[in-house]
Amino acid sequence: MKALVYHGPGKMAWEEKPKPIIKEPTDAVVKILKTTICGTDLHIMKGDVPAVTDGRIIGHEGIGVIEEVGDAVTSFKKGDRVIISCITSCGKCEYCKKAMYSHCLDGGWILGNLIDGTQAEYVRIPHADNSMYPIPTGADEEAMVMLSDILPTGFECGVLNGKVKPGDTIAIVGAGPIGMAVLLTSQFYSPAAIIMIDQDDNRLAVAKSFGATHTINSMNENAVEKVMELTENKGVDTAIEAVGVAPTFELCESLVCAGGHIANIGVHGKSVTLHLETLWSKNVTITTRLVDASTTPMLFKTVQAKKIDAKKLITHRFKLDQIVEAYATFGNAAKEKALKVLLTA
């Protein structure tokens, strides 16, 4: 089969790899129908995730049709169409019993990280019963891809960890796909104001159309001053970091109000400065999280009910064998006006 293979920072190739096989009775082998590229994949390509080694097939999102299942798989059969969760979970270990599936002792975020992932013609899914979701007949498969990672990540790591409440003022730093997922799902809780901060006017315009009440281009104006002007010099109830670089996290530290929350989502490859000299007395809560995908069933229902139009996050479409071109487009998002790119087999 063909797959997108990582060969060290800045190096990738669409090349021949062995088709995966059943290794454990709880495995499934899935033929990929649609997949996408995550911002985390760009971090991998920059060398920010050292656990990813030369030769790894990248990718942790997608939908497909089951090619084969192990003897212990009871919820799926050959021919079923499924959503692949970015998080693999055994459902039995101490962390899974706490719904901390990202820390599963025999899973977690392993696809495209510690084992071969979904940017390929086929993928092996361990613990298949707990790591996939059935796609009902007639469902919009493009929208279903957004349930693999982006929607649960934005909701769990940003909205839930950030304790967003009705009437709150929130700031989302980073108007990329994850920031947009936060924007969409935060509206479940009716915040009074949603301030989107980015350096890309196109993405800010899209954010406005998705429900942002205010947008700030931090390249052209002082984001801290603008937020303080909007909040009577108090700051925001929740500041959500959705980029994964030091300046954006430190911006969140400057935006949060007394008693507020900083919710980190971004994948950080380098250290950041924690300004305790200004935060120590402010009763601020700082949270980090790797998505557990525990909310995927609920989000699935909201997407099916069209309470969220997940498909509108997709801006570019490619064939799977055009994936190197798709990476170039996604990696140059400002110029290409890209959010999510969809790859179809």
Protein backbone atom coordinates (compact mmCIF):
# COMPACT_ATOMS: atom_id res chain seq x y z
CA MET A 1 0.00 0.00 0.00
CA LYS A 2 0.97 3.68 -0.24
CA ALA A 3 1.39 5.88 2.84
CA LEU A 4 2.76 9.25 3.97
CA VAL A 5 5.99 8.45 5.84
CA TYR A 6 7.98 10.70 8.18
CA HIS A 7 11.75 10.68 7.68
CA GLY A 8 12.88 13.27 10.20
CA PRO A 9 12.17 17.01 10.57
CA GLY A 10 11.07 18.51 7.27
CA LYS A 11 11.24 15.20 5.43
CA MET A 12 8.27 13.16 4.23
CA ALA A 13 7.46 10.84 1.33
CA TRP A 14 4.40 9.18 -0.22
CA GLU A 15 5.84 5.71 -0.57
CA GLU A 16 5.19 1.99 -0.53
CA LYS A 17 4.72 0.33 2.87
CA PRO A 18 3.48 -3.13 3.91
CA LYS A 19 -0.28 -3.37 4.34
CA PRO A 20 -1.11 -3.70 8.04
CA ILE A 21 -2.28 -7.02 9.46
CA ILE A 22 -4.18 -8.13 12.55
CA LYS A 23 -1.66 -8.44 15.39
CA GLU A 24 -4.00 -8.80 18.38
CA PRO A 25 -7.50 -10.29 18.52
CA THR A 26 -8.85 -6.82 19.48
CA ASP A 27 -7.47 -5.20 16.28
CA ALA A 28 -9.23 -4.07 13.14
CA VAL A 29 -7.72 -3.23 9.77
CA VAL A 30 -9.50 -0.31 8.10
CA LYS A 31 -9.35 0.87 4.50
CA ILE A 32 -9.13 4.67 4.60
CA LEU A 33 -11.87 6.53 2.73
CA LYS A 34 -11.16 10.05 3.97
CA THR A 35 -8.51 11.57 6.20
CA THR A 36 -7.06 14.99 6.96
CA ILE A 37 -3.98 16.78 8.26
CA CYS A 38 -3.83 18.08 11.83
CA GLY A 39 -1.80 20.97 13.21
CA THR A 40 -0.13 18.33 15.38
CA ASP A 41 1.15 16.69 12.20
CA LEU A 42 2.85 19.97 11.31
CA HIS A 43 4.46 19.98 14.77
CA ILE A 44 5.68 16.43 14.07
CA MET A 45 7.15 17.55 10.76
CA LYS A 46 9.01 20.34 12.57
CA GLY A 47 10.52 17.81 14.99
CA ASP A 48 8.45 18.98 17.98
CA VAL A 49 7.31 15.42 18.86
CA PRO A 50 10.51 13.41 19.36
CA ALA A 51 8.57 10.17 20.04
CA VAL A 52 7.81 10.04 16.30
CA THR A 53 10.68 8.20 14.63
CA ASP A 54 11.98 7.82 11.09
CA GLY A 55 9.69 5.54 9.05
CA ARG A 56 6.46 6.27 10.91
CA ILE A 57 3.23 6.65 8.93
CA ILE A 58 1.67 9.90 10.08
CA GLY A 59 -1.98 10.73 10.81
CA HIS A 60 -4.58 10.13 13.52
CA GLU A 61 -7.87 11.19 11.90
CA GLY A 62 -10.11 9.60 9.34
CA ILE A 63 -13.06 7.47 8.36
CA GLY A 64 -12.96 4.17 6.56
CA VAL A 65 -14.48 0.79 5.88
CA ILE A 66 -13.43 -2.22 7.89
CA GLU A 67 -11.35 -4.71 5.92
CA GLU A 68 -10.79 -7.27 8.69
CA VAL A 69 -11.41 -7.68 12.42
CA GLY A 70 -9.73 -9.78 15.08
CA ASP A 71 -11.53 -12.63 16.80
CA ALA A 72 -12.22 -10.57 19.96
CA VAL A 73 -13.87 -7.62 18.18
CA THR A 74 -17.61 -7.75 18.89
CA SER A 75 -18.99 -4.32 17.90
CA PHE A 76 -17.81 -4.20 14.29
CA LYS A 77 -17.57 -6.46 11.27
CA LYS A 78 -16.06 -6.42 7.80
CA GLY A 79 -17.74 -3.82 5.60
CA ASP A 80 -18.78 -1.44 8.40
CA ARG A 81 -18.05 2.24 7.82
CA VAL A 82 -16.44 3.82 10.88
CA ILE A 83 -15.04 7.01 12.39
CA ILE A 84 -11.51 6.42 13.66
CA SER A 85 -10.88 8.15 16.99
CA CYS A 86 -7.55 9.91 17.38
CA ILE A 87 -7.35 8.26 20.81
CA THR A 88 -6.97 4.49 21.23
CA SER A 89 -8.41 3.09 24.46
CA CYS A 90 -8.55 -0.38 25.96
CA GLY A 91 -11.53 0.55 28.14
CA LYS A 92 -10.21 -1.53 31.05
CA CYS A 93 -7.16 0.13 32.63
CA GLU A 94 -7.27 2.55 35.56
CA TYR A 95 -7.10 5.61 33.31
CA CYS A 96 -9.85 4.39 30.99
CA LYS A 97 -12.06 3.78 34.01
CA LYS A 98 -11.55 7.47 34.88
CA ALA A 99 -12.49 8.41 31.26
CA MET A 100 -8.88 9.60 30.79
CA TYR A 101 -8.59 7.64 27.57
CA SER A 102 -5.64 9.72 26.37
CA HIS A 103 -3.59 8.08 29.13
CA CYS A 104 -4.72 4.52 28.43
CA LEU A 105 -1.94 2.19 29.52
CA ASP A 106 -2.16 0.33 26.20
CA GLY A 107 -3.27 3.19 23.98
CA GLY A 108 -3.79 6.94 24.17
CA TRP A 109 -2.50 9.03 21.30
CA ILE A 110 -0.53 6.34 19.51
CA LEU A 111 -1.84 6.57 15.91
CA GLY A 112 0.70 8.43 13.79
CA ASN A 113 2.85 8.81 16.89
CA LEU A 114 3.97 5.52 18.41
CA ILE A 115 2.36 3.29 15.77
CA ASP A 116 1.52 3.80 12.10
CA GLY A 117 -1.36 6.16 11.43
CA THR A 118 -4.16 7.06 9.07
CA GLN A 119 -2.49 8.96 6.23
CA ALA A 120 -2.31 5.72 4.26
CA GLU A 121 -4.47 3.42 2.21
CA TYR A 122 -4.96 1.10 5.23
CA VAL A 123 -4.46 1.39 8.99
CA ARG A 124 -4.49 -1.04 11.91
CA ILE A 125 -6.67 0.11 14.82
CA PRO A 126 -5.88 -1.50 18.19
CA HIS A 127 -8.74 -1.97 20.71
CA ALA A 128 -11.17 -1.50 17.85
CA ASP A 129 -14.34 -1.82 19.93
CA ASN A 130 -13.36 1.21 22.04
CA SER A 131 -11.51 3.24 19.41
CA MET A 132 -14.00 3.60 16.54
CA TYR A 133 -17.60 4.74 16.03
CA PRO A 134 -20.13 3.44 13.47
CA ILE A 135 -21.25 5.80 10.71
CA PRO A 136 -24.99 5.59 10.08
CA THR A 137 -26.30 5.23 6.55
CA GLY A 138 -26.69 8.58 4.86
CA ALA A 139 -24.39 10.50 7.22
CA ASP A 140 -22.23 13.26 5.76
CA GLU A 141 -18.83 11.57 5.75
CA GLU A 142 -16.93 14.83 5.32
CA ALA A 143 -18.45 16.12 8.56
CA MET A 144 -17.70 12.81 10.26
CA VAL A 145 -13.94 13.29 9.72
CA MET A 146 -14.10 16.35 11.98
CA LEU A 147 -15.20 14.06 14.82
CA SER A 148 -11.95 12.10 14.76
CA ASP A 149 -10.05 14.83 16.59
CA ILE A 150 -10.72 18.49 15.95
CA LEU A 151 -14.19 18.86 17.51
CA PRO A 152 -13.54 16.81 20.68
CA THR A 153 -10.14 18.46 21.10
CA GLY A 154 -11.51 21.99 20.86
CA PHE A 155 -14.44 21.16 23.12
CA GLU A 156 -12.66 19.13 25.80
CA CYS A 157 -9.31 20.90 26.02
CA GLY A 158 -10.63 24.40 25.40
CA VAL A 159 -14.29 24.77 26.34
CA LEU A 160 -14.63 22.21 29.14
CA ASN A 161 -11.20 22.77 30.69
CA GLY A 162 -11.73 26.52 30.35
CA LYS A 163 -15.01 26.26 32.31
CA VAL A 164 -16.86 28.42 29.78
CA LYS A 165 -20.22 29.58 31.20
CA PRO A 166 -23.22 31.59 30.01
CA GLY A 167 -22.37 35.29 30.01
CA ASP A 168 -18.60 34.79 30.00
CA THR A 169 -16.13 36.69 27.89
CA ILE A 170 -13.62 34.35 26.27
CA ALA A 171 -10.56 34.91 24.11
CA ILE A 172 -9.35 32.27 21.66
CA VAL A 173 -5.75 32.83 20.65
CA GLY A 174 -5.26 31.17 17.28
CA ALA A 175 -7.89 31.06 14.51
CA GLY A 176 -6.68 27.82 12.98
CA PRO A 177 -8.83 24.69 12.79
CA ILE A 178 -8.63 23.96 16.53
CA GLY A 179 -9.41 27.56 17.43
CA MET A 180 -12.40 27.39 15.09
CA ALA A 181 -13.55 24.17 16.75
CA VAL A 182 -13.39 25.97 20.11
CA LEU A 183 -15.37 28.83 18.62
CA LEU A 184 -18.12 26.52 17.35
CA THR A 185 -18.43 24.38 20.49
CA SER A 186 -18.12 27.23 23.00
CA GLN A 187 -21.43 28.51 21.70
CA PHE A 188 -23.15 25.55 23.42
CA TYR A 189 -22.69 27.62 26.62
CA SER A 190 -23.77 31.05 25.32
CA PRO A 191 -20.75 33.17 26.25
CA ALA A 192 -21.55 36.89 26.02
CA ALA A 193 -18.44 37.68 23.99
CA ILE A 194 -16.03 35.55 21.97
CA ILE A 195 -12.84 37.37 21.01
CA MET A 196 -10.75 35.68 18.31
CA ILE A 197 -7.09 36.71 18.07
CA ASP A 198 -4.86 35.85 15.12
CA GLN A 199 -2.50 37.42 12.58
CA ASP A 200 -4.45 36.28 9.50
CA ASP A 201 -7.24 38.58 8.34
CA ASN A 202 -8.86 35.83 6.26
CA ARG A 203 -9.13 33.49 9.23
CA LEU A 204 -10.45 36.31 11.38
CA ALA A 205 -13.14 37.02 8.79
CA VAL A 206 -14.09 33.34 8.80
CA ALA A 207 -14.20 33.40 12.61
CA LYS A 208 -16.60 36.33 12.46
CA SER A 209 -18.88 34.34 10.16
CA PHE A 210 -18.69 31.38 12.58
CA GLY A 211 -19.88 33.46 15.55
CA ALA A 212 -16.96 35.45 16.96
CA THR A 213 -18.24 38.73 18.40
CA HIS A 214 -14.87 40.49 18.12
CA THR A 215 -11.69 39.84 16.15
CA ILE A 216 -8.20 41.21 16.76
CA ASN A 217 -5.26 41.02 14.37
CA SER A 218 -2.34 40.94 16.81
CA MET A 219 0.05 41.82 14.01
CA ASN A 220 -1.63 45.20 13.52
CA GLU A 221 -2.88 46.13 16.98
CA ASN A 222 -1.98 45.55 20.61
CA ALA A 223 -4.10 42.56 21.59
CA VAL A 224 -3.78 43.13 25.34
CA GLU A 225 -4.84 46.77 25.10
CA LYS A 226 -7.74 45.91 22.83
CA VAL A 227 -9.00 43.11 25.11
CA MET A 228 -8.74 45.36 28.17
CA GLU A 229 -10.71 48.02 26.31
CA LEU A 230 -13.42 45.44 25.54
CA THR A 231 -13.56 44.11 29.12
CA GLU A 232 -13.49 47.34 31.18
CA ASN A 233 -9.84 46.63 31.97
CA LYS A 234 -10.67 43.33 33.72
CA GLY A 235 -9.54 40.75 31.18
CA VAL A 236 -11.36 37.66 29.94
CA ASP A 237 -12.96 34.91 31.98
CA THR A 238 -11.28 32.26 29.82
CA ALA A 239 -8.23 32.56 27.59
CA ILE A 240 -7.70 29.58 25.29
CA GLU A 241 -4.31 28.91 23.68
CA ALA A 242 -4.78 27.16 20.34
CA VAL A 243 -1.41 27.54 18.62
CA GLY A 244 1.39 25.89 20.61
CA VAL A 245 4.12 28.55 20.72
CA ALA A 246 5.46 30.60 23.61
CA PRO A 247 4.18 34.05 22.57
CA THR A 248 0.56 32.90 22.32
CA PHE A 249 0.60 31.20 25.72
CA GLU A 250 2.19 34.25 27.29
CA LEU A 251 -0.46 36.42 25.63
CA CYS A 252 -3.12 34.32 27.38
CA GLU A 253 -1.38 35.03 30.69
CA SER A 254 -1.80 38.76 30.00
CA LEU A 255 -5.46 38.48 28.99
CA VAL A 256 -7.00 36.47 31.82
CA CYS A 257 -8.99 38.15 34.57
CA ALA A 258 -8.80 37.51 38.32
CA GLY A 259 -10.46 34.17 38.99
CA GLY A 260 -10.25 33.23 35.32
CA HIS A 261 -8.99 30.22 33.40
CA ILE A 262 -6.19 29.66 30.92
CA ALA A 263 -6.86 26.51 28.89
CA ASN A 264 -3.92 25.28 26.84
CA ILE A 265 -4.62 23.21 23.72
CA GLY A 266 -1.53 23.86 21.59
CA VAL A 267 1.25 21.29 21.18
CA HIS A 268 4.33 22.97 22.63
CA GLY A 269 7.71 21.88 21.35
CA LYS A 270 9.59 24.47 23.42
CA SER A 271 9.29 25.85 26.93
CA VAL A 272 7.25 28.95 27.77
CA THR A 273 7.62 31.51 30.53
CA LEU A 274 5.11 31.23 33.37
CA HIS A 275 4.68 34.76 34.73
CA LEU A 276 3.97 33.90 38.34
CA GLU A 277 5.15 37.37 39.31
CA THR A 278 1.84 38.66 37.93
CA LEU A 279 -0.35 35.55 38.24
CA TRP A 280 0.40 34.36 41.79
CA SER A 281 -2.31 36.51 43.39
CA LYS A 282 -4.98 36.34 40.68
CA ASN A 283 -6.71 33.04 41.53
CA VAL A 284 -6.07 31.87 37.99
CA THR A 285 -6.46 28.24 36.94
CA ILE A 286 -4.17 26.92 34.19
CA THR A 287 -5.12 23.64 32.54
CA THR A 288 -3.42 21.33 30.07
CA ARG A 289 -4.96 18.33 28.39
CA LEU A 290 -4.60 15.79 25.66
CA VAL A 291 -8.00 15.07 24.18
CA ASP A 292 -9.71 11.99 25.64
CA ALA A 293 -12.45 11.87 22.97
CA SER A 294 -14.91 11.09 25.75
CA THR A 295 -17.34 13.63 24.29
CA THR A 296 -17.31 12.21 20.76
CA PRO A 297 -20.72 10.47 21.10
CA MET A 298 -22.36 13.73 22.22
CA LEU A 299 -20.65 15.73 19.47
CA PHE A 300 -21.68 13.08 16.96
CA LYS A 301 -25.32 13.74 17.88
CA THR A 302 -24.92 17.51 17.55
CA VAL A 303 -23.33 17.14 14.12
CA GLN A 304 -26.04 14.71 12.99
CA ALA A 305 -28.70 17.13 14.26
CA LYS A 306 -26.94 19.95 12.35
CA LYS A 307 -26.42 21.95 15.53
CA ILE A 308 -22.81 22.25 14.35
CA ASP A 309 -21.92 22.57 10.69
CA ALA A 310 -18.61 20.75 10.96
CA LYS A 311 -18.19 20.48 7.20
CA LYS A 312 -17.66 24.22 6.85
CA LEU A 313 -14.24 23.83 8.47
CA ILE A 314 -13.04 22.16 5.24
CA THR A 315 -11.52 24.62 2.77
CA HIS A 316 -9.47 22.38 0.46
CA ARG A 317 -9.95 18.91 -1.01
CA PHE A 318 -7.31 16.58 -2.43
CA LYS A 319 -6.97 12.96 -3.48
CA LEU A 320 -5.07 10.87 -0.95
CA ASP A 321 -2.13 10.45 -3.31
CA GLN A 322 -1.83 14.26 -3.47
CA ILE A 323 -0.98 14.40 0.23
CA VAL A 324 2.45 16.01 -0.18
CA GLU A 325 0.78 18.86 -2.08
CA ALA A 326 -1.89 19.00 0.64
CA TYR A 327 0.80 19.39 3.32
CA ALA A 328 2.29 22.29 1.37
CA THR A 329 -1.13 23.94 1.22
CA PHE A 330 -1.91 23.37 4.90
CA GLY A 331 1.57 24.45 5.97
CA ASN A 332 1.13 27.72 4.09
CA ALA A 333 -2.35 28.35 5.43
CA ALA A 334 -2.30 32.16 5.34
CA LYS A 335 -1.39 32.35 1.67
CA GLU A 336 -3.68 29.46 0.68
CA LYS A 337 -6.56 30.54 2.97
CA ALA A 338 -6.64 27.01 4.38
CA LEU A 339 -8.39 25.59 7.42
CA LYS A 340 -8.92 21.84 7.16
CA VAL A 341 -7.80 19.95 4.08
CA LEU A 342 -9.70 16.79 3.19
CA LEU A 343 -7.99 13.83 1.55
CA THR A 344 -10.17 11.25 -0.23
CA ALA A 345 -9.05 7.82 -1.38
